[in-house]
Amino acid sequence: MGFIPIFLTLAGFVFLFYTVVENSLKNKQKAFEEQFYLLKEKLAVQEHLKPTRANLVHLENIYLKKNPAEKEAAKGPLSQSKLYLYQYNRLLAKKPYNFVAKISGRQSI
């Protein structure tokens, strides 16, 4: 028997860790995209924008130009988009998680 159970346990741990981290990254990115498109809808922007940091800044500039009554509807999606973007990028920067991100080909938004 020897080292076989140790290697199987280690392989199971690595696989489970990879699966959990990949799922977490995918969920953060999906949540950011949903909030981004909701913000775009609330601001009534007709341009085709992909969910990126630069486009979020562009939408924030549009948000700042709106009057206070129109701002209220878009306040929640804007803050949630920023929060999910920050959480996703922070998770990618942490040491054990960036290894999984490199393997799966994920990059910061």
C-alpha atoms as a PDB file:
ATOM      1  CA  MET A   1       0.000   0.000   0.000  1.00  0.00           C
ATOM      2  CA  GLY A   2       2.573   2.540   1.085  1.00  0.00           C
ATOM      3  CA  PHE A   3       2.149   5.958  -0.429  1.00  0.00           C
ATOM      4  CA  ILE A   4      -0.828   5.242  -2.677  1.00  0.00           C
ATOM      5  CA  PRO A   5      -3.500   6.407  -0.166  1.00  0.00           C
ATOM      6  CA  ILE A   6      -1.487   9.551   0.545  1.00  0.00           C
ATOM      7  CA  PHE A   7      -1.222  10.388  -3.147  1.00  0.00           C
ATOM      8  CA  LEU A   8      -4.911   9.665  -3.731  1.00  0.00           C
ATOM      9  CA  THR A   9      -5.883  11.909  -0.821  1.00  0.00           C
ATOM     10  CA  LEU A  10      -3.580  14.671  -2.052  1.00  0.00           C
ATOM     11  CA  ALA A  11      -4.932  14.384  -5.600  1.00  0.00           C
ATOM     12  CA  GLY A  12      -8.492  14.546  -4.268  1.00  0.00           C
ATOM     13  CA  PHE A  13      -7.667  17.651  -2.245  1.00  0.00           C
ATOM     14  CA  VAL A  14      -6.058  19.392  -5.221  1.00  0.00           C
ATOM     15  CA  PHE A  15      -8.986  18.524  -7.482  1.00  0.00           C
ATOM     16  CA  LEU A  16     -11.532  19.712  -4.917  1.00  0.00           C
ATOM     17  CA  PHE A  17      -9.597  22.943  -4.297  1.00  0.00           C
ATOM     18  CA  TYR A  18      -9.371  23.622  -8.045  1.00  0.00           C
ATOM     19  CA  THR A  19     -13.097  22.962  -8.503  1.00  0.00           C
ATOM     20  CA  VAL A  20     -14.157  25.210  -5.622  1.00  0.00           C
ATOM     21  CA  VAL A  21     -11.895  28.107  -6.649  1.00  0.00           C
ATOM     22  CA  GLU A  22     -12.875  27.861 -10.321  1.00  0.00           C
ATOM     23  CA  ASN A  23     -16.556  27.848  -9.365  1.00  0.00           C
ATOM     24  CA  SER A  24     -16.065  30.870  -7.103  1.00  0.00           C
ATOM     25  CA  LEU A  25     -14.253  32.803  -9.834  1.00  0.00           C
ATOM     26  CA  LYS A  26     -16.927  31.923 -12.366  1.00  0.00           C
ATOM     27  CA  ASN A  27     -19.706  33.051 -10.018  1.00  0.00           C
ATOM     28  CA  LYS A  28     -17.976  36.374  -9.254  1.00  0.00           C
ATOM     29  CA  GLN A  29     -17.470  37.083 -12.949  1.00  0.00           C
ATOM     30  CA  LYS A  30     -21.062  36.133 -13.768  1.00  0.00           C
ATOM     31  CA  ALA A  31     -22.413  38.339 -10.959  1.00  0.00           C
ATOM     32  CA  PHE A  32     -20.298  41.261 -12.213  1.00  0.00           C
ATOM     33  CA  GLU A  33     -21.610  40.801 -15.750  1.00  0.00           C
ATOM     34  CA  GLU A  34     -25.231  40.655 -14.556  1.00  0.00           C
ATOM     35  CA  GLN A  35     -24.882  43.850 -12.523  1.00  0.00           C
ATOM     36  CA  PHE A  36     -23.037  45.549 -15.391  1.00  0.00           C
ATOM     37  CA  TYR A  37     -25.844  44.807 -17.849  1.00  0.00           C
ATOM     38  CA  LEU A  38     -28.462  45.823 -15.278  1.00  0.00           C
ATOM     39  CA  LEU A  39     -26.642  49.143 -14.789  1.00  0.00           C
ATOM     40  CA  LYS A  40     -26.477  49.622 -18.547  1.00  0.00           C
ATOM     41  CA  GLU A  41     -30.222  48.994 -18.748  1.00  0.00           C
ATOM     42  CA  LYS A  42     -31.027  51.383 -15.865  1.00  0.00           C
ATOM     43  CA  LEU A  43     -28.956  54.135 -17.484  1.00  0.00           C
ATOM     44  CA  ALA A  44     -30.667  53.480 -20.851  1.00  0.00           C
ATOM     45  CA  VAL A  45     -27.359  53.193 -22.696  1.00  0.00           C
ATOM     46  CA  GLN A  46     -27.810  51.936 -26.259  1.00  0.00           C
ATOM     47  CA  GLU A  47     -24.125  51.355 -26.999  1.00  0.00           C
ATOM     48  CA  HIS A  48     -22.818  47.797 -27.168  1.00  0.00           C
ATOM     49  CA  LEU A  49     -20.464  47.569 -24.188  1.00  0.00           C
ATOM     50  CA  LYS A  50     -18.658  44.519 -22.912  1.00  0.00           C
ATOM     51  CA  PRO A  51     -18.348  44.163 -19.126  1.00  0.00           C
ATOM     52  CA  THR A  52     -14.845  45.532 -18.506  1.00  0.00           C
ATOM     53  CA  ARG A  53     -13.319  47.983 -16.065  1.00  0.00           C
ATOM     54  CA  ALA A  54     -13.007  50.705 -18.719  1.00  0.00           C
ATOM     55  CA  ASN A  55     -16.650  50.373 -19.722  1.00  0.00           C
ATOM     56  CA  LEU A  56     -17.693  50.437 -16.062  1.00  0.00           C
ATOM     57  CA  VAL A  57     -15.850  53.752 -15.695  1.00  0.00           C
ATOM     58  CA  HIS A  58     -17.652  54.974 -18.831  1.00  0.00           C
ATOM     59  CA  LEU A  59     -21.019  53.994 -17.345  1.00  0.00           C
ATOM     60  CA  GLU A  60     -20.081  55.662 -14.068  1.00  0.00           C
ATOM     61  CA  ASN A  61     -19.366  58.906 -15.926  1.00  0.00           C
ATOM     62  CA  ILE A  62     -22.791  58.667 -17.560  1.00  0.00           C
ATOM     63  CA  TYR A  63     -24.277  58.012 -14.109  1.00  0.00           C
ATOM     64  CA  LEU A  64     -22.625  61.123 -12.673  1.00  0.00           C
ATOM     65  CA  LYS A  65     -24.119  63.295 -15.433  1.00  0.00           C
ATOM     66  CA  LYS A  66     -27.689  62.172 -14.669  1.00  0.00           C
ATOM     67  CA  ASN A  67     -30.020  64.160 -12.423  1.00  0.00           C
ATOM     68  CA  PRO A  68     -30.634  62.880  -8.861  1.00  0.00           C
ATOM     69  CA  ALA A  69     -33.992  61.283  -9.692  1.00  0.00           C
ATOM     70  CA  GLU A  70     -32.461  59.156 -12.462  1.00  0.00           C
ATOM     71  CA  LYS A  71     -29.420  58.314 -10.332  1.00  0.00           C
ATOM     72  CA  GLU A  72     -31.468  56.551  -7.669  1.00  0.00           C
ATOM     73  CA  ALA A  73     -32.436  53.620  -9.903  1.00  0.00           C
ATOM     74  CA  ALA A  74     -28.853  52.983 -11.024  1.00  0.00           C
ATOM     75  CA  LYS A  75     -27.165  53.457  -7.656  1.00  0.00           C
ATOM     76  CA  GLY A  76     -27.523  49.818  -6.549  1.00  0.00           C
ATOM     77  CA  PRO A  77     -26.264  48.147  -9.742  1.00  0.00           C
ATOM     78  CA  LEU A  78     -23.314  50.563  -9.919  1.00  0.00           C
ATOM     79  CA  SER A  79     -22.166  49.839  -6.381  1.00  0.00           C
ATOM     80  CA  GLN A  80     -22.706  46.089  -6.816  1.00  0.00           C
ATOM     81  CA  SER A  81     -20.727  46.104 -10.084  1.00  0.00           C
ATOM     82  CA  LYS A  82     -17.832  47.847  -8.386  1.00  0.00           C
ATOM     83  CA  LEU A  83     -17.968  45.436  -5.457  1.00  0.00           C
ATOM     84  CA  TYR A  84     -17.971  42.310  -7.648  1.00  0.00           C
ATOM     85  CA  LEU A  85     -15.165  43.712  -9.792  1.00  0.00           C
ATOM     86  CA  TYR A  86     -13.064  44.394  -6.703  1.00  0.00           C
ATOM     87  CA  GLN A  87     -13.776  40.964  -5.193  1.00  0.00           C
ATOM     88  CA  TYR A  88     -12.969  39.144  -8.440  1.00  0.00           C
ATOM     89  CA  ASN A  89      -9.692  40.969  -8.976  1.00  0.00           C
ATOM     90  CA  ARG A  90      -8.711  40.613  -5.309  1.00  0.00           C
ATOM     91  CA  LEU A  91      -9.367  36.874  -5.464  1.00  0.00           C
ATOM     92  CA  LEU A  92      -7.169  36.594  -8.559  1.00  0.00           C
ATOM     93  CA  ALA A  93      -4.345  38.420  -6.786  1.00  0.00           C
ATOM     94  CA  LYS A  94      -4.204  36.084  -3.781  1.00  0.00           C
ATOM     95  CA  LYS A  95      -1.460  33.520  -3.895  1.00  0.00           C
ATOM     96  CA  PRO A  96      -3.111  30.089  -3.980  1.00  0.00           C
ATOM     97  CA  TYR A  97      -5.993  31.292  -6.137  1.00  0.00           C
ATOM     98  CA  ASN A  98      -3.871  32.890  -8.833  1.00  0.00           C
ATOM     99  CA  PHE A  99      -2.374  29.454  -9.519  1.00  0.00           C
ATOM    100  CA  VAL A 100      -5.845  28.103 -10.326  1.00  0.00           C
ATOM    101  CA  ALA A 101      -6.586  31.223 -12.392  1.00  0.00           C
ATOM    102  CA  LYS A 102      -3.431  30.707 -14.465  1.00  0.00           C
ATOM    103  CA  ILE A 103      -4.294  27.067 -15.109  1.00  0.00           C
ATOM    104  CA  SER A 104      -7.839  27.908 -16.180  1.00  0.00           C
ATOM    105  CA  GLY A 105      -6.751  30.959 -18.206  1.00  0.00           C
ATOM    106  CA  ARG A 106      -8.596  33.617 -16.201  1.00  0.00           C
ATOM    107  CA  GLN A 107      -7.413  37.215 -16.220  1.00  0.00           C
ATOM    108  CA  SER A 108      -8.382  40.258 -14.213  1.00  0.00           C
ATOM    109  CA  ILE A 109     -11.288  42.326 -15.455  1.00  0.00           C
END
